[in-house]
Amino acid sequence: MSLDYDLSIIQDDAADAARTALEKIRNRRNEINESKKNAEFISKQNREREFILEFDESQMDTKIKCDALFYEYITTKMGSTDDISNEVTEAITEMIKAQVEFYKVLNIAPILNHINERELVNNSDDENATIVENVVTNYMRNNLYKLTTEQRKEKYESKVVPMAESLVRDFSANHDNAVDLAYKTVVVEGLLKHIHNSIYVNLYYNDCLESEQYTEFFNVDKLKRSYEVYEEAVHNLAVLLAVSF
């Protein structure tokens, strides 16, 4: 029911009480809407203040070293041939190059939260290996293995269907195999971005695209292109890694 109609038509005492109640409801609704706007603004400001630092070469180097532990774990699970291993190594290298370039253009420092610099230096190899295994297995379980068919469909169908159709069309893949590989590719893409902690980066990226000040003074086309190259590199690696899961 709309609360925006003209209340002046109500004349009697009972109606006056109703009018007062409706006015209170309307005022409360406006207060809630204003609170939501303030919360969104504060959230954005906190995100920029707490998470967003300017690009730092040394922190990026540390992040790459931390992430390398994840890549090593994933590739050792593949049991692949030397040729495929070389292909994967090249794909990882291209992804890292694209990632660094995107972070530079966006001018943002990476987030260290799966393994930080102190853990990288002070932990034993076994301790860091346990952290890596837990991050990877928990992500794959929560985003693939424990989902029902209906849950997978709801979560991934929009990305899986075109990818599976492409595999069938371009490589004459079996339909069931194509769907399975497409599901896993989409999930592994998410895993790689989870390793990179890119949720904060993506939020900031979107904030920049929506900012009139940013678009006025910075090269938006260059930023978008660097992001597209990064996304493509993540996808190319994910396709290669998906066959191991």
C-alpha atoms as a PDB file:
ATOM      1  CA  MET A   1       0.000   0.000   0.000  1.00  0.00           C
ATOM      2  CA  SER A   2       1.296   3.434  -0.895  1.00  0.00           C
ATOM      3  CA  LEU A   3       1.683   5.951   1.931  1.00  0.00           C
ATOM      4  CA  ASP A   4       2.066   8.876  -0.432  1.00  0.00           C
ATOM      5  CA  TYR A   5      -1.559   9.831  -1.025  1.00  0.00           C
ATOM      6  CA  ASP A   6      -3.035  13.137   0.250  1.00  0.00           C
ATOM      7  CA  LEU A   7      -4.070  12.816   3.910  1.00  0.00           C
ATOM      8  CA  SER A   8      -5.929  16.155   3.994  1.00  0.00           C
ATOM      9  CA  ILE A   9      -9.127  14.461   2.830  1.00  0.00           C
ATOM     10  CA  ILE A  10      -9.495  12.746   6.205  1.00  0.00           C
ATOM     11  CA  GLN A  11     -11.725  14.877   8.514  1.00  0.00           C
ATOM     12  CA  ASP A  12     -13.048  13.046  11.598  1.00  0.00           C
ATOM     13  CA  ASP A  13     -11.253  12.267  14.866  1.00  0.00           C
ATOM     14  CA  ALA A  14     -10.686   8.592  14.089  1.00  0.00           C
ATOM     15  CA  ALA A  15      -9.304   9.579  10.736  1.00  0.00           C
ATOM     16  CA  ASP A  16      -7.047  12.133  12.428  1.00  0.00           C
ATOM     17  CA  ALA A  17      -5.569   9.345  14.532  1.00  0.00           C
ATOM     18  CA  ALA A  18      -5.050   7.261  11.418  1.00  0.00           C
ATOM     19  CA  ARG A  19      -3.449  10.217   9.683  1.00  0.00           C
ATOM     20  CA  THR A  20      -1.054  10.721  12.582  1.00  0.00           C
ATOM     21  CA  ALA A  21      -0.114   7.047  12.520  1.00  0.00           C
ATOM     22  CA  LEU A  22       0.461   7.112   8.774  1.00  0.00           C
ATOM     23  CA  GLU A  23       2.582  10.233   9.055  1.00  0.00           C
ATOM     24  CA  LYS A  24       4.707   8.533  11.687  1.00  0.00           C
ATOM     25  CA  ILE A  25       5.093   5.486   9.436  1.00  0.00           C
ATOM     26  CA  ARG A  26       6.007   7.689   6.493  1.00  0.00           C
ATOM     27  CA  ASN A  27       8.577   9.587   8.578  1.00  0.00           C
ATOM     28  CA  ARG A  28      10.020   6.333   9.849  1.00  0.00           C
ATOM     29  CA  ARG A  29      10.270   5.034   6.288  1.00  0.00           C
ATOM     30  CA  ASN A  30      12.139   8.160   5.251  1.00  0.00           C
ATOM     31  CA  GLU A  31      14.470   7.781   8.228  1.00  0.00           C
ATOM     32  CA  ILE A  32      15.197   4.168   7.249  1.00  0.00           C
ATOM     33  CA  ASN A  33      15.883   5.133   3.629  1.00  0.00           C
ATOM     34  CA  GLU A  34      18.183   7.914   4.775  1.00  0.00           C
ATOM     35  CA  SER A  35      19.982   5.497   7.121  1.00  0.00           C
ATOM     36  CA  LYS A  36      20.513   3.071   4.256  1.00  0.00           C
ATOM     37  CA  LYS A  37      22.006   5.821   2.132  1.00  0.00           C
ATOM     38  CA  ASN A  38      24.292   6.869   4.977  1.00  0.00           C
ATOM     39  CA  ALA A  39      25.294   3.257   5.615  1.00  0.00           C
ATOM     40  CA  GLU A  40      26.160   2.781   1.955  1.00  0.00           C
ATOM     41  CA  PHE A  41      28.225   5.975   1.971  1.00  0.00           C
ATOM     42  CA  ILE A  42      29.991   5.052   5.205  1.00  0.00           C
ATOM     43  CA  SER A  43      30.619   1.534   3.914  1.00  0.00           C
ATOM     44  CA  LYS A  44      32.224   2.920   0.781  1.00  0.00           C
ATOM     45  CA  GLN A  45      34.362   5.350   2.773  1.00  0.00           C
ATOM     46  CA  ASN A  46      35.441   2.612   5.189  1.00  0.00           C
ATOM     47  CA  ARG A  47      36.284   0.349   2.269  1.00  0.00           C
ATOM     48  CA  GLU A  48      38.498   2.995   0.757  1.00  0.00           C
ATOM     49  CA  ARG A  49      40.123   3.891   4.084  1.00  0.00           C
ATOM     50  CA  GLU A  50      40.605   0.424   5.554  1.00  0.00           C
ATOM     51  CA  PHE A  51      41.383  -1.729   2.545  1.00  0.00           C
ATOM     52  CA  ILE A  52      42.678   0.477  -0.229  1.00  0.00           C
ATOM     53  CA  LEU A  53      46.349   1.437  -0.229  1.00  0.00           C
ATOM     54  CA  GLU A  54      48.378   2.695  -3.153  1.00  0.00           C
ATOM     55  CA  PHE A  55      50.301   0.176  -5.219  1.00  0.00           C
ATOM     56  CA  ASP A  56      53.445  -0.991  -3.469  1.00  0.00           C
ATOM     57  CA  GLU A  57      56.061  -3.026  -5.321  1.00  0.00           C
ATOM     58  CA  SER A  58      57.422  -4.803  -2.247  1.00  0.00           C
ATOM     59  CA  GLN A  59      53.958  -5.776  -1.019  1.00  0.00           C
ATOM     60  CA  MET A  60      53.114  -7.045  -4.496  1.00  0.00           C
ATOM     61  CA  ASP A  61      56.272  -9.173  -4.455  1.00  0.00           C
ATOM     62  CA  THR A  62      55.262 -10.602  -1.088  1.00  0.00           C
ATOM     63  CA  LYS A  63      51.762 -11.312  -2.375  1.00  0.00           C
ATOM     64  CA  ILE A  64      53.151 -13.155  -5.397  1.00  0.00           C
ATOM     65  CA  LYS A  65      55.355 -15.297  -3.131  1.00  0.00           C
ATOM     66  CA  CYS A  66      52.373 -16.122  -0.929  1.00  0.00           C
ATOM     67  CA  ASP A  67      50.179 -16.957  -3.907  1.00  0.00           C
ATOM     68  CA  ALA A  68      52.932 -19.131  -5.378  1.00  0.00           C
ATOM     69  CA  LEU A  69      52.371 -21.556  -2.500  1.00  0.00           C
ATOM     70  CA  PHE A  70      48.793 -21.991  -3.698  1.00  0.00           C
ATOM     71  CA  TYR A  71      49.818 -22.493  -7.320  1.00  0.00           C
ATOM     72  CA  GLU A  72      52.383 -25.072  -6.263  1.00  0.00           C
ATOM     73  CA  TYR A  73      49.808 -26.970  -4.220  1.00  0.00           C
ATOM     74  CA  ILE A  74      47.231 -26.953  -7.028  1.00  0.00           C
ATOM     75  CA  THR A  75      49.673 -28.031  -9.736  1.00  0.00           C
ATOM     76  CA  THR A  76      51.082 -30.881  -7.632  1.00  0.00           C
ATOM     77  CA  LYS A  77      47.527 -32.221  -7.397  1.00  0.00           C
ATOM     78  CA  MET A  78      47.240 -32.366 -11.183  1.00  0.00           C
ATOM     79  CA  GLY A  79      49.540 -35.270 -11.952  1.00  0.00           C
ATOM     80  CA  SER A  80      49.974 -33.851 -15.437  1.00  0.00           C
ATOM     81  CA  THR A  81      52.496 -34.509 -18.159  1.00  0.00           C
ATOM     82  CA  ASP A  82      55.565 -32.318 -18.643  1.00  0.00           C
ATOM     83  CA  ASP A  83      53.981 -30.640 -21.663  1.00  0.00           C
ATOM     84  CA  ILE A  84      50.833 -29.701 -19.763  1.00  0.00           C
ATOM     85  CA  SER A  85      52.909 -28.631 -16.753  1.00  0.00           C
ATOM     86  CA  ASN A  86      54.864 -26.253 -18.972  1.00  0.00           C
ATOM     87  CA  GLU A  87      51.608 -24.917 -20.364  1.00  0.00           C
ATOM     88  CA  VAL A  88      50.288 -24.365 -16.847  1.00  0.00           C
ATOM     89  CA  THR A  89      53.510 -22.645 -15.774  1.00  0.00           C
ATOM     90  CA  GLU A  90      53.262 -20.289 -18.733  1.00  0.00           C
ATOM     91  CA  ALA A  91      49.609 -19.591 -17.943  1.00  0.00           C
ATOM     92  CA  ILE A  92      50.462 -18.791 -14.311  1.00  0.00           C
ATOM     93  CA  THR A  93      53.220 -16.441 -15.449  1.00  0.00           C
ATOM     94  CA  GLU A  94      50.865 -14.636 -17.841  1.00  0.00           C
ATOM     95  CA  MET A  95      48.216 -14.346 -15.146  1.00  0.00           C
ATOM     96  CA  ILE A  96      50.676 -12.846 -12.649  1.00  0.00           C
ATOM     97  CA  LYS A  97      51.898 -10.337 -15.241  1.00  0.00           C
ATOM     98  CA  ALA A  98      48.317  -9.340 -16.009  1.00  0.00           C
ATOM     99  CA  GLN A  99      47.465  -9.137 -12.313  1.00  0.00           C
ATOM    100  CA  VAL A 100      50.427  -6.864 -11.533  1.00  0.00           C
ATOM    101  CA  GLU A 101      49.651  -4.589 -14.481  1.00  0.00           C
ATOM    102  CA  PHE A 102      45.999  -4.269 -13.452  1.00  0.00           C
ATOM    103  CA  TYR A 103      46.968  -3.437  -9.861  1.00  0.00           C
ATOM    104  CA  LYS A 104      49.450  -0.842 -11.138  1.00  0.00           C
ATOM    105  CA  VAL A 105      46.925   0.837 -13.428  1.00  0.00           C
ATOM    106  CA  LEU A 106      44.312   0.796 -10.662  1.00  0.00           C
ATOM    107  CA  ASN A 107      47.040   1.916  -8.239  1.00  0.00           C
ATOM    108  CA  ILE A 108      46.051  -0.461  -5.464  1.00  0.00           C
ATOM    109  CA  ALA A 109      48.097  -2.625  -3.129  1.00  0.00           C
ATOM    110  CA  PRO A 110      47.226  -6.323  -2.818  1.00  0.00           C
ATOM    111  CA  ILE A 111      45.501  -7.691   0.273  1.00  0.00           C
ATOM    112  CA  LEU A 112      47.452 -10.222   2.352  1.00  0.00           C
ATOM    113  CA  ASN A 113      45.002 -12.271   4.377  1.00  0.00           C
ATOM    114  CA  HIS A 114      45.329 -15.975   3.511  1.00  0.00           C
ATOM    115  CA  ILE A 115      49.036 -15.961   4.291  1.00  0.00           C
ATOM    116  CA  ASN A 116      50.693 -12.781   5.491  1.00  0.00           C
ATOM    117  CA  GLU A 117      54.334 -11.752   5.364  1.00  0.00           C
ATOM    118  CA  ARG A 118      55.047 -12.852   8.922  1.00  0.00           C
ATOM    119  CA  GLU A 119      53.630 -16.332   8.285  1.00  0.00           C
ATOM    120  CA  LEU A 120      55.484 -16.586   4.991  1.00  0.00           C
ATOM    121  CA  VAL A 121      58.805 -15.960   6.762  1.00  0.00           C
ATOM    122  CA  ASN A 122      58.285 -17.532  10.182  1.00  0.00           C
ATOM    123  CA  ASN A 123      56.028 -20.515   9.566  1.00  0.00           C
ATOM    124  CA  SER A 124      57.457 -23.889   8.680  1.00  0.00           C
ATOM    125  CA  ASP A 125      56.813 -25.222   5.196  1.00  0.00           C
ATOM    126  CA  ASP A 126      54.362 -27.716   6.683  1.00  0.00           C
ATOM    127  CA  GLU A 127      52.444 -24.989   8.506  1.00  0.00           C
ATOM    128  CA  ASN A 128      52.039 -22.901   5.374  1.00  0.00           C
ATOM    129  CA  ALA A 129      51.170 -26.000   3.359  1.00  0.00           C
ATOM    130  CA  THR A 130      48.361 -26.730   5.834  1.00  0.00           C
ATOM    131  CA  ILE A 131      47.001 -23.172   5.469  1.00  0.00           C
ATOM    132  CA  VAL A 132      47.066 -23.492   1.690  1.00  0.00           C
ATOM    133  CA  GLU A 133      45.376 -26.897   1.666  1.00  0.00           C
ATOM    134  CA  ASN A 134      42.619 -25.698   3.998  1.00  0.00           C
ATOM    135  CA  VAL A 135      41.907 -22.588   1.911  1.00  0.00           C
ATOM    136  CA  VAL A 136      41.722 -24.548  -1.347  1.00  0.00           C
ATOM    137  CA  THR A 137      39.762 -27.564  -0.082  1.00  0.00           C
ATOM    138  CA  ASN A 138      37.279 -25.434   1.870  1.00  0.00           C
ATOM    139  CA  TYR A 139      36.639 -23.216  -1.139  1.00  0.00           C
ATOM    140  CA  MET A 140      36.131 -26.158  -3.483  1.00  0.00           C
ATOM    141  CA  ARG A 141      33.890 -27.959  -1.012  1.00  0.00           C
ATOM    142  CA  ASN A 142      31.722 -24.928  -0.291  1.00  0.00           C
ATOM    143  CA  ASN A 143      31.461 -23.806  -3.908  1.00  0.00           C
ATOM    144  CA  LEU A 144      31.288 -27.107  -5.772  1.00  0.00           C
ATOM    145  CA  TYR A 145      31.329 -30.475  -4.046  1.00  0.00           C
ATOM    146  CA  LYS A 146      28.715 -29.955  -1.332  1.00  0.00           C
ATOM    147  CA  LEU A 147      26.260 -28.141  -3.604  1.00  0.00           C
ATOM    148  CA  THR A 148      23.280 -30.049  -4.934  1.00  0.00           C
ATOM    149  CA  THR A 149      22.572 -30.119  -8.649  1.00  0.00           C
ATOM    150  CA  GLU A 150      19.910 -27.438  -8.189  1.00  0.00           C
ATOM    151  CA  GLN A 151      22.246 -25.249  -6.143  1.00  0.00           C
ATOM    152  CA  ARG A 152      24.977 -25.525  -8.766  1.00  0.00           C
ATOM    153  CA  LYS A 153      22.503 -24.672 -11.483  1.00  0.00           C
ATOM    154  CA  GLU A 154      21.227 -21.608  -9.640  1.00  0.00           C
ATOM    155  CA  LYS A 155      24.721 -20.377  -8.792  1.00  0.00           C
ATOM    156  CA  TYR A 156      26.568 -21.046 -12.048  1.00  0.00           C
ATOM    157  CA  GLU A 157      24.155 -21.702 -14.923  1.00  0.00           C
ATOM    158  CA  SER A 158      24.512 -18.270 -16.544  1.00  0.00           C
ATOM    159  CA  LYS A 159      28.273 -18.800 -16.965  1.00  0.00           C
ATOM    160  CA  VAL A 160      28.355 -22.576 -17.427  1.00  0.00           C
ATOM    161  CA  VAL A 161      25.875 -22.881 -20.306  1.00  0.00           C
ATOM    162  CA  PRO A 162      27.706 -20.680 -22.861  1.00  0.00           C
ATOM    163  CA  MET A 163      31.057 -22.195 -21.880  1.00  0.00           C
ATOM    164  CA  ALA A 164      29.766 -25.766 -22.246  1.00  0.00           C
ATOM    165  CA  GLU A 165      28.156 -24.934 -25.589  1.00  0.00           C
ATOM    166  CA  SER A 166      31.498 -23.561 -26.783  1.00  0.00           C
ATOM    167  CA  LEU A 167      33.309 -26.753 -25.738  1.00  0.00           C
ATOM    168  CA  VAL A 168      30.793 -28.919 -27.591  1.00  0.00           C
ATOM    169  CA  ARG A 169      30.825 -26.706 -30.677  1.00  0.00           C
ATOM    170  CA  ASP A 170      34.560 -26.006 -30.955  1.00  0.00           C
ATOM    171  CA  PHE A 171      36.036 -29.255 -29.621  1.00  0.00           C
ATOM    172  CA  SER A 172      33.248 -31.791 -30.237  1.00  0.00           C
ATOM    173  CA  ALA A 173      33.245 -32.522 -26.515  1.00  0.00           C
ATOM    174  CA  ASN A 174      30.772 -34.929 -24.959  1.00  0.00           C
ATOM    175  CA  HIS A 175      27.887 -32.898 -23.527  1.00  0.00           C
ATOM    176  CA  ASP A 176      28.175 -34.234 -19.969  1.00  0.00           C
ATOM    177  CA  ASN A 177      31.947 -33.791 -19.966  1.00  0.00           C
ATOM    178  CA  ALA A 178      31.588 -30.271 -21.326  1.00  0.00           C
ATOM    179  CA  VAL A 179      29.135 -29.291 -18.596  1.00  0.00           C
ATOM    180  CA  ASP A 180      31.328 -30.830 -15.892  1.00  0.00           C
ATOM    181  CA  LEU A 181      34.451 -29.037 -17.138  1.00  0.00           C
ATOM    182  CA  ALA A 182      32.570 -25.755 -17.492  1.00  0.00           C
ATOM    183  CA  TYR A 183      31.289 -25.981 -13.913  1.00  0.00           C
ATOM    184  CA  LYS A 184      34.776 -26.671 -12.596  1.00  0.00           C
ATOM    185  CA  THR A 185      36.339 -23.926 -14.711  1.00  0.00           C
ATOM    186  CA  VAL A 186      33.944 -21.338 -13.317  1.00  0.00           C
ATOM    187  CA  VAL A 187      34.649 -22.528  -9.769  1.00  0.00           C
ATOM    188  CA  VAL A 188      38.436 -22.521 -10.291  1.00  0.00           C
ATOM    189  CA  GLU A 189      38.202 -18.973 -11.665  1.00  0.00           C
ATOM    190  CA  GLY A 190      36.511 -18.075  -8.396  1.00  0.00           C
ATOM    191  CA  LEU A 191      39.207 -19.923  -6.455  1.00  0.00           C
ATOM    192  CA  LEU A 192      42.005 -18.001  -8.167  1.00  0.00           C
ATOM    193  CA  LYS A 193      40.280 -14.697  -7.469  1.00  0.00           C
ATOM    194  CA  HIS A 194      39.691 -15.842  -3.886  1.00  0.00           C
ATOM    195  CA  ILE A 195      43.437 -16.491  -3.573  1.00  0.00           C
ATOM    196  CA  HIS A 196      44.061 -13.004  -4.939  1.00  0.00           C
ATOM    197  CA  ASN A 197      41.493 -11.526  -2.506  1.00  0.00           C
ATOM    198  CA  SER A 198      40.071  -9.696  -5.490  1.00  0.00           C
ATOM    199  CA  ILE A 199      36.688  -8.941  -3.924  1.00  0.00           C
ATOM    200  CA  TYR A 200      38.126  -5.752  -2.433  1.00  0.00           C
ATOM    201  CA  VAL A 201      39.944  -4.935  -5.647  1.00  0.00           C
ATOM    202  CA  ASN A 202      36.758  -5.419  -7.675  1.00  0.00           C
ATOM    203  CA  LEU A 203      34.792  -3.193  -5.310  1.00  0.00           C
ATOM    204  CA  TYR A 204      37.360  -0.442  -5.703  1.00  0.00           C
ATOM    205  CA  TYR A 205      37.511  -0.994  -9.470  1.00  0.00           C
ATOM    206  CA  ASN A 206      33.742  -0.527  -9.705  1.00  0.00           C
ATOM    207  CA  ASP A 207      33.912   2.527  -7.456  1.00  0.00           C
ATOM    208  CA  CYS A 208      36.443   4.067  -9.832  1.00  0.00           C
ATOM    209  CA  LEU A 209      34.279   3.387 -12.867  1.00  0.00           C
ATOM    210  CA  GLU A 210      31.338   5.043 -11.125  1.00  0.00           C
ATOM    211  CA  SER A 211      33.357   8.069 -10.002  1.00  0.00           C
ATOM    212  CA  GLU A 212      32.999  11.209 -12.112  1.00  0.00           C
ATOM    213  CA  GLN A 213      36.290  12.496 -10.713  1.00  0.00           C
ATOM    214  CA  TYR A 214      38.140   9.332 -11.685  1.00  0.00           C
ATOM    215  CA  THR A 215      36.695   9.168 -15.176  1.00  0.00           C
ATOM    216  CA  GLU A 216      37.473  12.847 -15.695  1.00  0.00           C
ATOM    217  CA  PHE A 217      41.164  12.667 -14.816  1.00  0.00           C
ATOM    218  CA  PHE A 218      42.260   9.069 -15.478  1.00  0.00           C
ATOM    219  CA  ASN A 219      42.420   6.789 -18.501  1.00  0.00           C
ATOM    220  CA  VAL A 220      39.326   4.635 -18.052  1.00  0.00           C
ATOM    221  CA  ASP A 221      39.871   2.725 -21.293  1.00  0.00           C
ATOM    222  CA  LYS A 222      43.331   1.674 -20.127  1.00  0.00           C
ATOM    223  CA  LEU A 223      41.907   0.582 -16.780  1.00  0.00           C
ATOM    224  CA  LYS A 224      39.135  -1.449 -18.394  1.00  0.00           C
ATOM    225  CA  ARG A 225      41.556  -3.091 -20.814  1.00  0.00           C
ATOM    226  CA  SER A 226      43.969  -4.054 -18.035  1.00  0.00           C
ATOM    227  CA  TYR A 227      41.065  -5.634 -16.154  1.00  0.00           C
ATOM    228  CA  GLU A 228      39.918  -7.542 -19.249  1.00  0.00           C
ATOM    229  CA  VAL A 229      43.438  -8.913 -19.792  1.00  0.00           C
ATOM    230  CA  TYR A 230      43.570 -10.022 -16.152  1.00  0.00           C
ATOM    231  CA  GLU A 231      40.148 -11.687 -16.384  1.00  0.00           C
ATOM    232  CA  GLU A 232      41.162 -13.497 -19.564  1.00  0.00           C
ATOM    233  CA  ALA A 233      44.419 -14.711 -18.001  1.00  0.00           C
ATOM    234  CA  VAL A 234      42.555 -16.048 -14.960  1.00  0.00           C
ATOM    235  CA  HIS A 235      40.111 -17.855 -17.224  1.00  0.00           C
ATOM    236  CA  ASN A 236      42.852 -19.402 -19.376  1.00  0.00           C
ATOM    237  CA  LEU A 237      44.612 -20.786 -16.307  1.00  0.00           C
ATOM    238  CA  ALA A 238      41.332 -21.972 -14.786  1.00  0.00           C
ATOM    239  CA  VAL A 239      40.560 -24.062 -17.879  1.00  0.00           C
ATOM    240  CA  LEU A 240      43.893 -25.855 -17.530  1.00  0.00           C
ATOM    241  CA  LEU A 241      43.526 -26.396 -13.799  1.00  0.00           C
ATOM    242  CA  ALA A 242      39.896 -27.481 -13.882  1.00  0.00           C
ATOM    243  CA  VAL A 243      40.787 -30.897 -15.295  1.00  0.00           C
ATOM    244  CA  SER A 244      42.471 -31.785 -11.979  1.00  0.00           C
ATOM    245  CA  PHE A 245      39.403 -31.296  -9.804  1.00  0.00           C
END
